[in-house]
């Protein structure tokens, strides 16, 4: 019985996990009826390796192509059209982050979201892919976020800047975050392994 209890404790401890966030974009927005339309944003330069080990040394700025075009965020529930080079446009989405360069219009992130954005954290659910440019300015679709330990959920954290409020619109500062997929903490994994080994030893001695 004691061995069984120890086994359960080991499993419970080893199941502990953590998730992290990394800011990848920011901007100042005017909200009208909870909607944002084509507001310019700037990408941050966090190391991609902080969330995606396979791409250590890359930056969000490099991967998302912020050195080219005019990045912008559009939020209009059910009324956003997303584009990717070489692919037909997808309409009826809630939000998208675009990168526009000349005649090239790439929606690097797109998906669903709340009916209305509000102060605080807003969860935007992506379609699970990043659509980004290569050096030849071609969109690479099929870069799965899950394969890089990234959650499909994008956090848009809205806060009021020092000056806000103008007629029927209110200005907000926005911070976008990639969320990592929860993974077991190394320390709790070690504890879990030790507990499991101890439980197995007890059972073998009987």
Foldseek 3Di string as FASTA:
>chain_A
DVLVVLLVVLVVLQPDWDKDKDWFKKFKAKAFQQWGAFGFIATDFDALCVQFVVRGPHGSCVFAVRVAATKTKGAAQQADWADFPPDDIDGGFGMFIWGDHPPGIHGQWTHHWDNGDDAAKTKGFTPQWGFHQDPVGHTDTDHGQVNRQWHRIKIKHWDADPDWDDPNITMIMIIIIIMGHIDGDPVSNVSSVVSNVVSVVVVVVD
